[in-house]
Amino acid sequence: MWVLSGKEVVRIFEKIGWKIARQKGSHIIMIKDDGAITLSIPNHKEIAKGTLRSLIRSAGLTFSEFEKYGKRG
């Protein structure tokens, strides 16, 4: 699992179809189409591995699905 910043995680979720709803303090709130599920992504230099895993699970994805959108290079 990689070390990603909050902004990088937001960019990957945007590629998947999530939208930024708002930002409150150091957290960026993202929603999917109907707004039934929200993700609260910390806008930190490094996202903890457990936090990233939890965000991916909350979005209903597997790590390999998430990884496809976040390929570097």
C-alpha atoms as a PDB file:
ATOM      1  CA  MET A   1       0.000   0.000   0.000  1.00  0.00           C
ATOM      2  CA  TRP A   2       1.360   3.421  -0.918  1.00  0.00           C
ATOM      3  CA  VAL A   3       1.781   6.570   1.115  1.00  0.00           C
ATOM      4  CA  LEU A   4      -0.596   9.180  -0.322  1.00  0.00           C
ATOM      5  CA  SER A   5      -1.476  12.742   0.612  1.00  0.00           C
ATOM      6  CA  GLY A   6      -5.055  13.831   1.191  1.00  0.00           C
ATOM      7  CA  LYS A   7      -5.079  15.717  -2.116  1.00  0.00           C
ATOM      8  CA  GLU A   8      -3.875  12.629  -4.004  1.00  0.00           C
ATOM      9  CA  VAL A   9      -6.613  10.519  -2.417  1.00  0.00           C
ATOM     10  CA  VAL A  10      -9.226  13.139  -3.369  1.00  0.00           C
ATOM     11  CA  ARG A  11      -7.978  13.128  -6.996  1.00  0.00           C
ATOM     12  CA  ILE A  12      -8.281   9.344  -7.181  1.00  0.00           C
ATOM     13  CA  PHE A  13     -11.820   9.371  -5.765  1.00  0.00           C
ATOM     14  CA  GLU A  14     -12.747  12.110  -8.277  1.00  0.00           C
ATOM     15  CA  LYS A  15     -11.588   9.822 -11.112  1.00  0.00           C
ATOM     16  CA  ILE A  16     -13.885   7.122  -9.717  1.00  0.00           C
ATOM     17  CA  GLY A  17     -16.875   9.485  -9.729  1.00  0.00           C
ATOM     18  CA  TRP A  18     -16.938  11.058  -6.256  1.00  0.00           C
ATOM     19  CA  LYS A  19     -17.420  14.825  -5.946  1.00  0.00           C
ATOM     20  CA  ILE A  20     -16.195  17.297  -3.359  1.00  0.00           C
ATOM     21  CA  ALA A  21     -19.205  18.493  -1.374  1.00  0.00           C
ATOM     22  CA  ARG A  22     -17.413  20.826   1.028  1.00  0.00           C
ATOM     23  CA  GLN A  23     -14.366  21.260   3.196  1.00  0.00           C
ATOM     24  CA  LYS A  24     -14.567  21.676   6.932  1.00  0.00           C
ATOM     25  CA  GLY A  25     -11.294  22.415   8.673  1.00  0.00           C
ATOM     26  CA  SER A  26      -8.686  19.907   7.609  1.00  0.00           C
ATOM     27  CA  HIS A  27     -11.181  17.406   6.166  1.00  0.00           C
ATOM     28  CA  ILE A  28     -12.588  17.252   2.642  1.00  0.00           C
ATOM     29  CA  ILE A  29     -16.100  15.795   2.432  1.00  0.00           C
ATOM     30  CA  MET A  30     -16.875  13.860  -0.740  1.00  0.00           C
ATOM     31  CA  ILE A  31     -20.205  12.444  -1.938  1.00  0.00           C
ATOM     32  CA  LYS A  32     -21.294   9.954  -4.571  1.00  0.00           C
ATOM     33  CA  ASP A  33     -24.204  10.670  -6.971  1.00  0.00           C
ATOM     34  CA  ASP A  34     -27.159  10.394  -4.594  1.00  0.00           C
ATOM     35  CA  GLY A  35     -25.288  11.643  -1.517  1.00  0.00           C
ATOM     36  CA  ALA A  36     -26.233   8.555   0.506  1.00  0.00           C
ATOM     37  CA  ILE A  37     -22.578   7.834   1.288  1.00  0.00           C
ATOM     38  CA  THR A  38     -20.061  10.480   2.294  1.00  0.00           C
ATOM     39  CA  LEU A  39     -16.326  10.192   2.754  1.00  0.00           C
ATOM     40  CA  SER A  40     -14.375  12.438   5.101  1.00  0.00           C
ATOM     41  CA  ILE A  41     -10.813  12.641   3.790  1.00  0.00           C
ATOM     42  CA  PRO A  42      -8.185  14.274   5.993  1.00  0.00           C
ATOM     43  CA  ASN A  43      -6.228  16.888   4.048  1.00  0.00           C
ATOM     44  CA  HIS A  44      -2.861  15.841   5.488  1.00  0.00           C
ATOM     45  CA  LYS A  45       0.554  15.343   3.886  1.00  0.00           C
ATOM     46  CA  GLU A  46       0.285  11.605   4.544  1.00  0.00           C
ATOM     47  CA  ILE A  47      -2.875   9.546   5.034  1.00  0.00           C
ATOM     48  CA  ALA A  48      -2.428   6.715   7.539  1.00  0.00           C
ATOM     49  CA  LYS A  49      -2.665   3.244   5.975  1.00  0.00           C
ATOM     50  CA  GLY A  50      -5.612   2.265   8.181  1.00  0.00           C
ATOM     51  CA  THR A  51      -7.464   5.467   7.284  1.00  0.00           C
ATOM     52  CA  LEU A  52      -6.915   4.860   3.572  1.00  0.00           C
ATOM     53  CA  ARG A  53      -8.102   1.252   3.910  1.00  0.00           C
ATOM     54  CA  SER A  54     -11.215   2.443   5.749  1.00  0.00           C
ATOM     55  CA  LEU A  55     -11.996   5.079   3.088  1.00  0.00           C
ATOM     56  CA  ILE A  56     -11.644   2.495   0.318  1.00  0.00           C
ATOM     57  CA  ARG A  57     -13.951   0.066   2.151  1.00  0.00           C
ATOM     58  CA  SER A  58     -16.503   2.801   2.901  1.00  0.00           C
ATOM     59  CA  ALA A  59     -16.600   3.632  -0.810  1.00  0.00           C
ATOM     60  CA  GLY A  60     -17.450  -0.010  -1.553  1.00  0.00           C
ATOM     61  CA  LEU A  61     -14.174  -0.691  -3.349  1.00  0.00           C
ATOM     62  CA  THR A  62     -11.337  -3.156  -2.997  1.00  0.00           C
ATOM     63  CA  PHE A  63      -7.762  -1.926  -2.826  1.00  0.00           C
ATOM     64  CA  SER A  64      -7.022  -3.339  -6.289  1.00  0.00           C
ATOM     65  CA  GLU A  65      -9.996  -1.418  -7.770  1.00  0.00           C
ATOM     66  CA  PHE A  66      -8.780   1.777  -6.083  1.00  0.00           C
ATOM     67  CA  GLU A  67      -5.229   1.081  -7.240  1.00  0.00           C
ATOM     68  CA  LYS A  68      -6.282   0.962 -10.928  1.00  0.00           C
ATOM     69  CA  TYR A  69      -7.321   4.630 -10.761  1.00  0.00           C
ATOM     70  CA  GLY A  70      -4.262   5.688  -8.811  1.00  0.00           C
ATOM     71  CA  LYS A  71      -1.528   4.176 -10.946  1.00  0.00           C
ATOM     72  CA  ARG A  72       1.454   6.466 -11.062  1.00  0.00           C
ATOM     73  CA  GLY A  73       3.426   7.155 -14.201  1.00  0.00           C
END
